[in-house]
PDB file of N, CA and C in Angstrom:
ATOM      1  N   GLN A   1       0.696  -0.968   0.160  1.00  0.00           N
ATOM      2  CA  GLN A   1       0.034  -0.199  -0.007  1.00  0.00           C
ATOM      3  C   GLN A   1       0.931   1.452  -0.234  1.00  0.00           C
ATOM      4  N   VAL A   2       0.491   2.433  -0.256  1.00  0.00           N
ATOM      5  CA  VAL A   2       1.153   3.456  -0.538  1.00  0.00           C
ATOM      6  C   VAL A   2       0.027   4.951  -0.265  1.00  0.00           C
ATOM      7  N   GLN A   3       0.230   5.457   0.435  1.00  0.00           N
ATOM      8  CA  GLN A   3      -0.666   6.514   0.650  1.00  0.00           C
ATOM      9  C   GLN A   3       0.501   7.800   0.423  1.00  0.00           C
ATOM     10  N   LEU A   4      -0.616   9.317   0.077  1.00  0.00           N
ATOM     11  CA  LEU A   4      -0.543   9.984  -0.820  1.00  0.00           C
ATOM     12  C   LEU A   4      -0.935  11.361  -0.403  1.00  0.00           C
ATOM     13  N   VAL A   5      -0.761  12.119   0.215  1.00  0.00           N
ATOM     14  CA  VAL A   5      -0.948  13.661   1.374  1.00  0.00           C
ATOM     15  C   VAL A   5      -0.027  14.658   0.316  1.00  0.00           C
ATOM     16  N   GLU A   6      -1.110  15.744  -0.381  1.00  0.00           N
ATOM     17  CA  GLU A   6      -0.750  16.628  -0.925  1.00  0.00           C
ATOM     18  C   GLU A   6      -1.305  17.816  -0.340  1.00  0.00           C
ATOM     19  N   SER A   7      -0.006  19.118  -1.019  1.00  0.00           N
ATOM     20  CA  SER A   7      -0.456  19.890  -0.037  1.00  0.00           C
ATOM     21  C   SER A   7       0.250  21.284  -1.172  1.00  0.00           C
ATOM     22  N   GLY A   8      -0.328  22.381  -0.768  1.00  0.00           N
ATOM     23  CA  GLY A   8       0.722  23.783  -1.163  1.00  0.00           C
ATOM     24  C   GLY A   8      -0.585  24.210  -2.073  1.00  0.00           C
ATOM     25  N   GLY A   9      -1.548  23.745  -2.570  1.00  0.00           N
ATOM     26  CA  GLY A   9      -2.735  24.666  -3.163  1.00  0.00           C
ATOM     27  C   GLY A   9      -3.148  26.195  -2.676  1.00  0.00           C
ATOM     28  N   GLY A  10      -3.713  26.758  -3.544  1.00  0.00           N
ATOM     29  CA  GLY A  10      -4.270  28.185  -3.017  1.00  0.00           C
ATOM     30  C   GLY A  10      -4.759  29.139  -3.934  1.00  0.00           C
ATOM     31  N   LEU A  11      -4.602  30.233  -3.591  1.00  0.00           N
ATOM     32  CA  LEU A  11      -5.498  31.118  -4.871  1.00  0.00           C
ATOM     33  C   LEU A  11      -4.061  32.097  -5.185  1.00  0.00           C
ATOM     34  N   VAL A  12      -3.810  31.923  -6.516  1.00  0.00           N
ATOM     35  CA  VAL A  12      -2.894  32.593  -6.936  1.00  0.00           C
ATOM     36  C   VAL A  12      -3.164  33.826  -8.360  1.00  0.00           C
ATOM     37  N   GLN A  13      -2.734  34.806  -8.381  1.00  0.00           N
ATOM     38  CA  GLN A  13      -3.042  35.990  -9.773  1.00  0.00           C
ATOM     39  C   GLN A  13      -2.399  35.154 -11.204  1.00  0.00           C
ATOM     40  N   PRO A  14      -2.926  35.546 -12.074  1.00  0.00           N
ATOM     41  CA  PRO A  14      -1.970  34.871 -13.358  1.00  0.00           C
ATOM     42  C   PRO A  14      -0.812  35.470 -13.308  1.00  0.00           C
ATOM     43  N   GLY A  15       0.027  34.459 -14.313  1.00  0.00           N
ATOM     44  CA  GLY A  15       1.627  34.987 -13.632  1.00  0.00           C
ATOM     45  C   GLY A  15       2.210  34.648 -12.838  1.00  0.00           C
ATOM     46  N   GLY A  16       1.582  34.095 -11.673  1.00  0.00           N
ATOM     47  CA  GLY A  16       1.961  33.483 -10.217  1.00  0.00           C
ATOM     48  C   GLY A  16       3.179  32.320 -10.498  1.00  0.00           C
ATOM     49  N   SER A  17       3.189  32.062  -8.993  1.00  0.00           N
ATOM     50  CA  SER A  17       3.515  30.619  -8.981  1.00  0.00           C
ATOM     51  C   SER A  17       3.431  29.992  -7.698  1.00  0.00           C
ATOM     52  N   LEU A  18       2.988  28.558  -7.738  1.00  0.00           N
ATOM     53  CA  LEU A  18       2.639  28.047  -6.619  1.00  0.00           C
ATOM     54  C   LEU A  18       3.633  26.614  -6.510  1.00  0.00           C
ATOM     55  N   ARG A  19       4.208  26.192  -5.316  1.00  0.00           N
ATOM     56  CA  ARG A  19       4.785  24.712  -5.152  1.00  0.00           C
ATOM     57  C   ARG A  19       3.707  23.725  -4.582  1.00  0.00           C
ATOM     58  N   LEU A  20       3.641  22.629  -5.171  1.00  0.00           N
ATOM     59  CA  LEU A  20       2.835  21.724  -4.842  1.00  0.00           C
ATOM     60  C   LEU A  20       3.871  20.840  -4.144  1.00  0.00           C
ATOM     61  N   SER A  21       3.398  19.838  -3.344  1.00  0.00           N
ATOM     62  CA  SER A  21       4.344  18.898  -2.275  1.00  0.00           C
ATOM     63  C   SER A  21       3.119  17.772  -2.100  1.00  0.00           C
ATOM     64  N   CYS A  22       3.464  16.779  -2.101  1.00  0.00           N
ATOM     65  CA  CYS A  22       3.451  15.457  -1.780  1.00  0.00           C
ATOM     66  C   CYS A  22       4.040  14.547  -0.932  1.00  0.00           C
ATOM     67  N   ALA A  23       3.615  14.245   0.321  1.00  0.00           N
ATOM     68  CA  ALA A  23       4.220  12.914   1.323  1.00  0.00           C
ATOM     69  C   ALA A  23       3.413  12.132   0.782  1.00  0.00           C
ATOM     70  N   VAL A  24       4.685  11.109   0.842  1.00  0.00           N
ATOM     71  CA  VAL A  24       4.510   9.992  -0.198  1.00  0.00           C
ATOM     72  C   VAL A  24       4.869   8.569   1.594  1.00  0.00           C
ATOM     73  N   SER A  25       4.521   7.771   1.756  1.00  0.00           N
ATOM     74  CA  SER A  25       4.584   7.026   2.208  1.00  0.00           C
ATOM     75  C   SER A  25       3.769   5.372   2.119  1.00  0.00           C
ATOM     76  N   GLY A  26       4.458   4.303   2.723  1.00  0.00           N
ATOM     77  CA  GLY A  26       3.614   3.439   2.985  1.00  0.00           C
ATOM     78  C   GLY A  26       5.196   2.284   2.150  1.00  0.00           C
ATOM     79  N   SER A  27       4.913   1.365   1.334  1.00  0.00           N
ATOM     80  CA  SER A  27       5.619   0.275   0.417  1.00  0.00           C
ATOM     81  C   SER A  27       6.208   1.264  -0.354  1.00  0.00           C
ATOM     82  N   LEU A  28       7.389   2.518  -0.427  1.00  0.00           N
ATOM     83  CA  LEU A  28       8.209   2.785  -1.078  1.00  0.00           C
ATOM     84  C   LEU A  28       8.834   2.445  -2.237  1.00  0.00           C
ATOM     85  N   PHE A  29       9.436   0.979  -1.752  1.00  0.00           N
ATOM     86  CA  PHE A  29      10.202   0.497  -2.474  1.00  0.00           C
ATOM     87  C   PHE A  29       9.636  -0.498  -3.799  1.00  0.00           C
ATOM     88  N   ARG A  30       8.201  -0.383  -3.264  1.00  0.00           N
ATOM     89  CA  ARG A  30       6.880  -1.236  -5.039  1.00  0.00           C
ATOM     90  C   ARG A  30       6.636  -0.010  -5.794  1.00  0.00           C
ATOM     91  N   ILE A  31       7.507   1.564  -5.731  1.00  0.00           N
ATOM     92  CA  ILE A  31       6.857   2.618  -6.222  1.00  0.00           C
ATOM     93  C   ILE A  31       7.723   2.330  -7.838  1.00  0.00           C
ATOM     94  N   MET A  32       7.284   2.479  -8.904  1.00  0.00           N
ATOM     95  CA  MET A  32       8.135   2.639 -10.133  1.00  0.00           C
ATOM     96  C   MET A  32       7.820   4.070 -10.972  1.00  0.00           C
ATOM     97  N   ALA A  33       7.390   4.913 -10.618  1.00  0.00           N
ATOM     98  CA  ALA A  33       7.258   6.401 -10.507  1.00  0.00           C
ATOM     99  C   ALA A  33       5.964   7.130  -9.735  1.00  0.00           C
ATOM    100  N   LEU A  34       6.070   8.396  -9.563  1.00  0.00           N
ATOM    101  CA  LEU A  34       5.322   9.407  -9.280  1.00  0.00           C
ATOM    102  C   LEU A  34       4.674  10.754  -9.996  1.00  0.00           C
ATOM    103  N   GLY A  35       3.793  10.482  -9.745  1.00  0.00           N
ATOM    104  CA  GLY A  35       2.896  11.893 -11.250  1.00  0.00           C
ATOM    105  C   GLY A  35       1.867  12.686 -10.524  1.00  0.00           C
ATOM    106  N   TRP A  36       1.572  13.862 -11.215  1.00  0.00           N
ATOM    107  CA  TRP A  36       0.809  14.712 -10.692  1.00  0.00           C
ATOM    108  C   TRP A  36      -0.424  14.913 -11.816  1.00  0.00           C
ATOM    109  N   TYR A  37      -1.610  15.135 -11.707  1.00  0.00           N
ATOM    110  CA  TYR A  37      -2.680  14.758 -12.460  1.00  0.00           C
ATOM    111  C   TYR A  37      -3.597  15.913 -11.766  1.00  0.00           C
ATOM    112  N   ARG A  38      -4.436  16.645 -12.359  1.00  0.00           N
ATOM    113  CA  ARG A  38      -5.260  17.528 -12.305  1.00  0.00           C
ATOM    114  C   ARG A  38      -6.850  17.410 -13.189  1.00  0.00           C
ATOM    115  N   GLN A  39      -8.256  17.452 -12.251  1.00  0.00           N
ATOM    116  CA  GLN A  39      -9.159  17.864 -12.949  1.00  0.00           C
ATOM    117  C   GLN A  39      -9.772  19.053 -12.643  1.00  0.00           C
ATOM    118  N   ALA A  40     -10.063  19.936 -13.726  1.00  0.00           N
ATOM    119  CA  ALA A  40     -11.173  20.652 -13.403  1.00  0.00           C
ATOM    120  C   ALA A  40     -12.912  20.404 -13.416  1.00  0.00           C
ATOM    121  N   PRO A  41     -13.391  20.934 -13.276  1.00  0.00           N
ATOM    122  CA  PRO A  41     -15.296  21.382 -12.760  1.00  0.00           C
ATOM    123  C   PRO A  41     -15.844  20.692 -13.741  1.00  0.00           C
ATOM    124  N   GLY A  42     -16.353  19.635 -14.066  1.00  0.00           N
ATOM    125  CA  GLY A  42     -16.760  19.140 -15.820  1.00  0.00           C
ATOM    126  C   GLY A  42     -16.197  18.526 -16.478  1.00  0.00           C
ATOM    127  N   GLU A  43     -14.271  18.029 -16.181  1.00  0.00           N
ATOM    128  CA  GLU A  43     -14.011  17.850 -16.842  1.00  0.00           C
ATOM    129  C   GLU A  43     -13.126  16.532 -16.004  1.00  0.00           C
ATOM    130  N   GLN A  44     -12.598  15.577 -17.656  1.00  0.00           N
ATOM    131  CA  GLN A  44     -12.197  14.367 -16.873  1.00  0.00           C
ATOM    132  C   GLN A  44     -10.802  14.961 -15.963  1.00  0.00           C
ATOM    133  N   ARG A  45     -10.179  13.903 -15.277  1.00  0.00           N
ATOM    134  CA  ARG A  45      -8.733  14.205 -15.285  1.00  0.00           C
ATOM    135  C   ARG A  45      -8.004  14.064 -15.663  1.00  0.00           C
ATOM    136  N   GLU A  46      -6.750  15.042 -16.239  1.00  0.00           N
ATOM    137  CA  GLU A  46      -5.441  14.768 -16.531  1.00  0.00           C
ATOM    138  C   GLU A  46      -4.279  14.256 -16.057  1.00  0.00           C
ATOM    139  N   PHE A  47      -3.154  13.940 -17.075  1.00  0.00           N
ATOM    140  CA  PHE A  47      -2.119  14.309 -16.776  1.00  0.00           C
ATOM    141  C   PHE A  47      -1.408  15.157 -16.803  1.00  0.00           C
ATOM    142  N   ILE A  48      -0.574  15.221 -15.507  1.00  0.00           N
ATOM    143  CA  ILE A  48       0.198  16.983 -15.749  1.00  0.00           C
ATOM    144  C   ILE A  48       1.931  16.436 -15.830  1.00  0.00           C
ATOM    145  N   ALA A  49       2.725  15.747 -15.122  1.00  0.00           N
ATOM    146  CA  ALA A  49       3.688  15.426 -15.464  1.00  0.00           C
ATOM    147  C   ALA A  49       4.144  14.076 -14.568  1.00  0.00           C
ATOM    148  N   ARG A  50       5.128  13.286 -14.858  1.00  0.00           N
ATOM    149  CA  ARG A  50       5.494  12.400 -14.316  1.00  0.00           C
ATOM    150  C   ARG A  50       6.768  12.019 -14.161  1.00  0.00           C
ATOM    151  N   ILE A  51       7.694  11.351 -12.954  1.00  0.00           N
ATOM    152  CA  ILE A  51       8.933  10.917 -12.632  1.00  0.00           C
ATOM    153  C   ILE A  51       9.363   9.940 -12.529  1.00  0.00           C
ATOM    154  N   THR A  52      10.317   8.981 -12.937  1.00  0.00           N
ATOM    155  CA  THR A  52       9.908   7.741 -12.466  1.00  0.00           C
ATOM    156  C   THR A  52      11.312   7.226 -11.742  1.00  0.00           C
ATOM    157  N   ARG A  53      11.530   5.998 -11.685  1.00  0.00           N
ATOM    158  CA  ARG A  53      12.473   6.136 -10.419  1.00  0.00           C
ATOM    159  C   ARG A  53      14.248   6.110 -11.151  1.00  0.00           C
ATOM    160  N   ASP A  54      14.145   6.095 -11.931  1.00  0.00           N
ATOM    161  CA  ASP A  54      15.467   6.395 -12.631  1.00  0.00           C
ATOM    162  C   ASP A  54      15.428   8.031 -13.220  1.00  0.00           C
ATOM    163  N   ASP A  55      14.565   8.649 -12.711  1.00  0.00           N
ATOM    164  CA  ASP A  55      13.931  10.134 -12.888  1.00  0.00           C
ATOM    165  C   ASP A  55      13.941  10.380 -14.174  1.00  0.00           C
ATOM    166  N   THR A  56      13.226   9.867 -15.037  1.00  0.00           N
ATOM    167  CA  THR A  56      13.089  10.279 -16.484  1.00  0.00           C
ATOM    168  C   THR A  56      11.975  10.886 -16.005  1.00  0.00           C
ATOM    169  N   GLU A  57      11.906  12.144 -16.882  1.00  0.00           N
ATOM    170  CA  GLU A  57      10.194  12.912 -16.952  1.00  0.00           C
ATOM    171  C   GLU A  57       9.777  13.251 -17.931  1.00  0.00           C
ATOM    172  N   SER A  58       8.230  13.952 -18.067  1.00  0.00           N
ATOM    173  CA  SER A  58       7.956  13.584 -19.120  1.00  0.00           C
ATOM    174  C   SER A  58       6.925  14.437 -18.311  1.00  0.00           C
ATOM    175  N   TYR A  59       6.051  15.504 -19.362  1.00  0.00           N
ATOM    176  CA  TYR A  59       5.293  16.558 -19.107  1.00  0.00           C
ATOM    177  C   TYR A  59       3.751  16.604 -20.553  1.00  0.00           C
ATOM    178  N   ALA A  60       2.712  16.491 -20.058  1.00  0.00           N
ATOM    179  CA  ALA A  60       1.923  16.852 -20.799  1.00  0.00           C
ATOM    180  C   ALA A  60       2.317  18.489 -21.387  1.00  0.00           C
ATOM    181  N   ASP A  61       1.691  18.527 -22.506  1.00  0.00           N
ATOM    182  CA  ASP A  61       2.015  19.865 -24.012  1.00  0.00           C
ATOM    183  C   ASP A  61       1.992  21.201 -22.962  1.00  0.00           C
ATOM    184  N   SER A  62       0.586  20.453 -22.121  1.00  0.00           N
ATOM    185  CA  SER A  62      -0.066  22.361 -21.974  1.00  0.00           C
ATOM    186  C   SER A  62       0.641  22.915 -21.248  1.00  0.00           C
ATOM    187  N   VAL A  63       2.164  22.107 -20.214  1.00  0.00           N
ATOM    188  CA  VAL A  63       2.749  22.628 -19.163  1.00  0.00           C
ATOM    189  C   VAL A  63       3.740  23.090 -18.911  1.00  0.00           C
ATOM    190  N   LYS A  64       4.438  22.031 -20.238  1.00  0.00           N
ATOM    191  CA  LYS A  64       5.421  22.122 -20.499  1.00  0.00           C
ATOM    192  C   LYS A  64       6.375  23.393 -20.877  1.00  0.00           C
ATOM    193  N   GLY A  65       7.484  23.562 -19.799  1.00  0.00           N
ATOM    194  CA  GLY A  65       8.012  24.668 -19.754  1.00  0.00           C
ATOM    195  C   GLY A  65       7.827  25.684 -18.953  1.00  0.00           C
ATOM    196  N   ARG A  66       6.449  25.565 -18.243  1.00  0.00           N
ATOM    197  CA  ARG A  66       5.766  26.391 -16.985  1.00  0.00           C
ATOM    198  C   ARG A  66       6.384  25.416 -15.546  1.00  0.00           C
ATOM    199  N   PHE A  67       6.148  24.057 -15.883  1.00  0.00           N
ATOM    200  CA  PHE A  67       5.995  23.013 -14.909  1.00  0.00           C
ATOM    201  C   PHE A  67       7.277  22.063 -14.544  1.00  0.00           C
ATOM    202  N   THR A  68       7.417  22.150 -13.549  1.00  0.00           N
ATOM    203  CA  THR A  68       8.852  21.562 -13.200  1.00  0.00           C
ATOM    204  C   THR A  68       8.624  20.218 -12.188  1.00  0.00           C
ATOM    205  N   ILE A  69       8.292  18.852 -12.497  1.00  0.00           N
ATOM    206  CA  ILE A  69       8.421  17.845 -11.182  1.00  0.00           C
ATOM    207  C   ILE A  69       9.673  17.979 -10.323  1.00  0.00           C
ATOM    208  N   SER A  70       9.890  17.285  -9.566  1.00  0.00           N
ATOM    209  CA  SER A  70      11.006  16.782  -8.404  1.00  0.00           C
ATOM    210  C   SER A  70      10.768  15.539  -7.424  1.00  0.00           C
ATOM    211  N   ARG A  71      11.472  15.335  -7.211  1.00  0.00           N
ATOM    212  CA  ARG A  71      11.472  13.965  -6.008  1.00  0.00           C
ATOM    213  C   ARG A  71      12.834  13.878  -5.551  1.00  0.00           C
ATOM    214  N   ASP A  72      12.254  14.044  -4.113  1.00  0.00           N
ATOM    215  CA  ASP A  72      13.447  13.575  -3.621  1.00  0.00           C
ATOM    216  C   ASP A  72      14.170  11.938  -3.589  1.00  0.00           C
ATOM    217  N   GLY A  73      15.227  11.822  -2.905  1.00  0.00           N
ATOM    218  CA  GLY A  73      16.443  10.515  -3.434  1.00  0.00           C
ATOM    219  C   GLY A  73      15.672   9.723  -2.831  1.00  0.00           C
ATOM    220  N   ALA A  74      14.671   9.461  -1.552  1.00  0.00           N
ATOM    221  CA  ALA A  74      14.253   8.367  -1.177  1.00  0.00           C
ATOM    222  C   ALA A  74      12.358   8.297  -1.811  1.00  0.00           C
ATOM    223  N   MET A  75      12.182   8.689  -2.307  1.00  0.00           N
ATOM    224  CA  MET A  75      10.810   8.983  -3.302  1.00  0.00           C
ATOM    225  C   MET A  75       9.464   9.318  -1.674  1.00  0.00           C
ATOM    226  N   ASN A  76       9.979   9.933  -0.951  1.00  0.00           N
ATOM    227  CA  ASN A  76       8.985  11.041   0.657  1.00  0.00           C
ATOM    228  C   ASN A  76       8.524  11.668   0.320  1.00  0.00           C
ATOM    229  N   TRP A  77       9.144  12.199  -0.984  1.00  0.00           N
ATOM    230  CA  TRP A  77       7.965  13.374  -0.984  1.00  0.00           C
ATOM    231  C   TRP A  77       8.203  13.891  -2.334  1.00  0.00           C
ATOM    232  N   LEU A  78       7.155  14.033  -3.205  1.00  0.00           N
ATOM    233  CA  LEU A  78       7.291  14.905  -4.936  1.00  0.00           C
ATOM    234  C   LEU A  78       6.589  16.055  -4.709  1.00  0.00           C
ATOM    235  N   PHE A  79       7.388  16.627  -5.660  1.00  0.00           N
ATOM    236  CA  PHE A  79       7.223  18.392  -6.121  1.00  0.00           C
ATOM    237  C   PHE A  79       6.634  18.401  -7.329  1.00  0.00           C
ATOM    238  N   LEU A  80       5.624  19.982  -7.707  1.00  0.00           N
ATOM    239  CA  LEU A  80       5.505  20.133  -8.530  1.00  0.00           C
ATOM    240  C   LEU A  80       5.357  21.876  -8.311  1.00  0.00           C
ATOM    241  N   GLN A  81       6.654  22.429  -9.388  1.00  0.00           N
ATOM    242  CA  GLN A  81       6.828  23.913  -9.579  1.00  0.00           C
ATOM    243  C   GLN A  81       6.135  24.275 -10.355  1.00  0.00           C
ATOM    244  N   MET A  82       4.786  25.251 -10.284  1.00  0.00           N
ATOM    245  CA  MET A  82       4.185  25.790 -11.171  1.00  0.00           C
ATOM    246  C   MET A  82       4.146  27.378 -11.135  1.00  0.00           C
ATOM    247  N   ASN A  83       5.087  27.886 -12.415  1.00  0.00           N
ATOM    248  CA  ASN A  83       5.335  28.838 -12.893  1.00  0.00           C
ATOM    249  C   ASN A  83       4.486  29.808 -14.075  1.00  0.00           C
ATOM    250  N   SER A  84       4.341  30.797 -14.133  1.00  0.00           N
ATOM    251  CA  SER A  84       3.429  31.657 -15.251  1.00  0.00           C
ATOM    252  C   SER A  84       2.391  30.900 -15.273  1.00  0.00           C
ATOM    253  N   LEU A  85       1.226  30.801 -14.357  1.00  0.00           N
ATOM    254  CA  LEU A  85      -0.124  30.577 -13.938  1.00  0.00           C
ATOM    255  C   LEU A  85      -0.812  30.899 -14.409  1.00  0.00           C
ATOM    256  N   LYS A  86      -1.743  30.170 -15.891  1.00  0.00           N
ATOM    257  CA  LYS A  86      -3.189  30.620 -15.607  1.00  0.00           C
ATOM    258  C   LYS A  86      -3.894  30.467 -15.505  1.00  0.00           C
ATOM    259  N   PRO A  87      -5.117  31.322 -15.381  1.00  0.00           N
ATOM    260  CA  PRO A  87      -6.916  30.889 -15.449  1.00  0.00           C
ATOM    261  C   PRO A  87      -6.767  28.924 -15.687  1.00  0.00           C
ATOM    262  N   GLU A  88      -6.333  28.984 -16.894  1.00  0.00           N
ATOM    263  CA  GLU A  88      -6.978  27.662 -17.172  1.00  0.00           C
ATOM    264  C   GLU A  88      -5.685  26.741 -16.207  1.00  0.00           C
ATOM    265  N   ASP A  89      -5.188  26.855 -15.660  1.00  0.00           N
ATOM    266  CA  ASP A  89      -4.571  25.904 -14.496  1.00  0.00           C
ATOM    267  C   ASP A  89      -5.573  25.553 -13.513  1.00  0.00           C
ATOM    268  N   THR A  90      -6.695  26.221 -13.176  1.00  0.00           N
ATOM    269  CA  THR A  90      -7.540  26.614 -12.381  1.00  0.00           C
ATOM    270  C   THR A  90      -8.272  24.583 -12.086  1.00  0.00           C
ATOM    271  N   ALA A  91      -7.982  24.158 -11.029  1.00  0.00           N
ATOM    272  CA  ALA A  91      -7.855  21.956 -10.917  1.00  0.00           C
ATOM    273  C   ALA A  91      -7.836  21.747  -9.658  1.00  0.00           C
ATOM    274  N   VAL A  92      -8.343  20.822  -9.691  1.00  0.00           N
ATOM    275  CA  VAL A  92      -7.878  20.187  -8.404  1.00  0.00           C
ATOM    276  C   VAL A  92      -6.885  19.388  -8.617  1.00  0.00           C
ATOM    277  N   TYR A  93      -5.712  19.430  -8.065  1.00  0.00           N
ATOM    278  CA  TYR A  93      -4.196  18.462  -8.452  1.00  0.00           C
ATOM    279  C   TYR A  93      -3.981  17.546  -7.533  1.00  0.00           C
ATOM    280  N   TYR A  94      -4.311  15.992  -8.197  1.00  0.00           N
ATOM    281  CA  TYR A  94      -3.679  15.240  -7.475  1.00  0.00           C
ATOM    282  C   TYR A  94      -2.380  14.475  -7.492  1.00  0.00           C
ATOM    283  N   CYS A  95      -1.878  13.982  -6.790  1.00  0.00           N
ATOM    284  CA  CYS A  95      -0.595  13.075  -6.469  1.00  0.00           C
ATOM    285  C   CYS A  95      -0.849  11.902  -7.325  1.00  0.00           C
ATOM    286  N   ASN A  96       0.169  10.698  -7.351  1.00  0.00           N
ATOM    287  CA  ASN A  96       0.002  10.006  -7.642  1.00  0.00           C
ATOM    288  C   ASN A  96       1.091   8.686  -7.987  1.00  0.00           C
ATOM    289  N   ALA A  97       0.585   7.518  -7.469  1.00  0.00           N
ATOM    290  CA  ALA A  97       1.942   6.601  -7.851  1.00  0.00           C
ATOM    291  C   ALA A  97       1.534   5.875  -8.445  1.00  0.00           C
ATOM    292  N   MET A  98       2.956   4.788  -9.285  1.00  0.00           N
ATOM    293  CA  MET A  98       2.465   3.882 -10.195  1.00  0.00           C
ATOM    294  C   MET A  98       2.890   2.899  -9.279  1.00  0.00           C
ATOM    295  N   ALA A  99       2.981   1.631  -8.583  1.00  0.00           N
ATOM    296  CA  ALA A  99       3.112   0.547  -7.616  1.00  0.00           C
ATOM    297  C   ALA A  99       2.783  -0.971  -8.097  1.00  0.00           C
ATOM    298  N   GLN A 100       4.284  -1.353  -8.007  1.00  0.00           N
ATOM    299  CA  GLN A 100       4.057  -2.829  -8.770  1.00  0.00           C
ATOM    300  C   GLN A 100       3.217  -3.774  -7.190  1.00  0.00           C
ATOM    301  N   PRO A 101       3.096  -5.042  -7.341  1.00  0.00           N
ATOM    302  CA  PRO A 101       2.934  -5.171  -8.632  1.00  0.00           C
ATOM    303  C   PRO A 101       1.821  -4.728  -9.422  1.00  0.00           C
ATOM    304  N   PHE A 102       1.839  -5.328 -10.654  1.00  0.00           N
ATOM    305  CA  PHE A 102       0.278  -4.699 -11.262  1.00  0.00           C
ATOM    306  C   PHE A 102       0.679  -3.315 -12.075  1.00  0.00           C
ATOM    307  N   MET A 103       1.367  -2.603 -11.347  1.00  0.00           N
ATOM    308  CA  MET A 103       1.582  -1.051 -11.964  1.00  0.00           C
ATOM    309  C   MET A 103      -0.205  -0.312 -11.216  1.00  0.00           C
ATOM    310  N   THR A 104      -0.637  -0.738 -10.118  1.00  0.00           N
ATOM    311  CA  THR A 104      -1.212  -0.118  -8.938  1.00  0.00           C
ATOM    312  C   THR A 104      -0.797   1.022  -9.452  1.00  0.00           C
ATOM    313  N   ASP A 105      -2.307   1.846  -9.248  1.00  0.00           N
ATOM    314  CA  ASP A 105      -2.501   3.535  -8.978  1.00  0.00           C
ATOM    315  C   ASP A 105      -3.132   3.920  -7.603  1.00  0.00           C
ATOM    316  N   TYR A 106      -2.103   4.529  -7.410  1.00  0.00           N
ATOM    317  CA  TYR A 106      -2.540   5.054  -6.223  1.00  0.00           C
ATOM    318  C   TYR A 106      -2.666   6.916  -6.142  1.00  0.00           C
ATOM    319  N   TRP A 107      -4.321   7.479  -4.998  1.00  0.00           N
ATOM    320  CA  TRP A 107      -4.122   8.833  -5.301  1.00  0.00           C
ATOM    321  C   TRP A 107      -3.969   9.513  -4.221  1.00  0.00           C
ATOM    322  N   GLY A 108      -3.718  10.722  -4.077  1.00  0.00           N
ATOM    323  CA  GLY A 108      -3.837  11.214  -3.252  1.00  0.00           C
ATOM    324  C   GLY A 108      -5.419  12.140  -2.676  1.00  0.00           C
ATOM    325  N   GLN A 109      -6.201  13.189  -1.680  1.00  0.00           N
ATOM    326  CA  GLN A 109      -7.395  13.344  -1.837  1.00  0.00           C
ATOM    327  C   GLN A 109      -7.301  14.599  -2.960  1.00  0.00           C
ATOM    328  N   GLY A 110      -6.180  15.300  -3.359  1.00  0.00           N
ATOM    329  CA  GLY A 110      -6.538  16.121  -3.747  1.00  0.00           C
ATOM    330  C   GLY A 110      -6.342  17.672  -3.084  1.00  0.00           C
ATOM    331  N   THR A 111      -5.808  18.989  -3.911  1.00  0.00           N
ATOM    332  CA  THR A 111      -5.445  20.197  -3.509  1.00  0.00           C
ATOM    333  C   THR A 111      -5.399  21.036  -4.511  1.00  0.00           C
ATOM    334  N   GLN A 112      -6.798  22.019  -3.886  1.00  0.00           N
ATOM    335  CA  GLN A 112      -7.275  22.969  -4.889  1.00  0.00           C
ATOM    336  C   GLN A 112      -6.159  23.832  -5.395  1.00  0.00           C
ATOM    337  N   VAL A 113      -6.261  23.987  -6.736  1.00  0.00           N
ATOM    338  CA  VAL A 113      -5.348  25.976  -7.263  1.00  0.00           C
ATOM    339  C   VAL A 113      -6.286  26.387  -8.013  1.00  0.00           C
ATOM    340  N   THR A 114      -6.191  27.313  -7.730  1.00  0.00           N
ATOM    341  CA  THR A 114      -7.262  28.547  -8.322  1.00  0.00           C
ATOM    342  C   THR A 114      -6.333  29.960  -8.987  1.00  0.00           C
ATOM    343  N   VAL A 115      -6.283  29.841 -10.451  1.00  0.00           N
ATOM    344  CA  VAL A 115      -5.627  31.132 -10.705  1.00  0.00           C
ATOM    345  C   VAL A 115      -6.532  32.164 -11.501  1.00  0.00           C
ATOM    346  N   SER A 116      -6.665  32.835 -10.098  1.00  0.00           N
ATOM    347  CA  SER A 116      -7.416  34.306 -10.595  1.00  0.00           C
ATOM    348  C   SER A 116      -7.095  35.754 -10.330  1.00  0.00           C
ATOM    349  N   SER A 117      -7.489  36.589 -11.382  1.00  0.00           N
ATOM    350  CA  SER A 117      -7.321  37.726 -10.826  1.00  0.00           C
ATOM    351  C   SER A 117      -8.046  39.012  -9.510  1.00  0.00           C
TER     352      SER A 117
END
């Protein structure tokens, strides 16, 4: 089992920055990748960024060049640095872990990010 708890969301003006954190606990040795997803009202949950155990990073085109994913070496913490935020970035942001066996998905409870003037 893997437990995930997000923090760091809030209200920010367009062009501003936020840093999301995700505390990871449980069977860390089973985790193959950590990632961030988001879900806006009335929309499906969408992939934002992922970092694998060997530090391979991938990003959605919509955030490439503005968002940066990172983690600590032990995979206890996952971060998302969000710069140049836009109103369309407004959503609930979720932390995700993909773990063995079977590449099972684990989710946090989400943290709200609102970009508005």
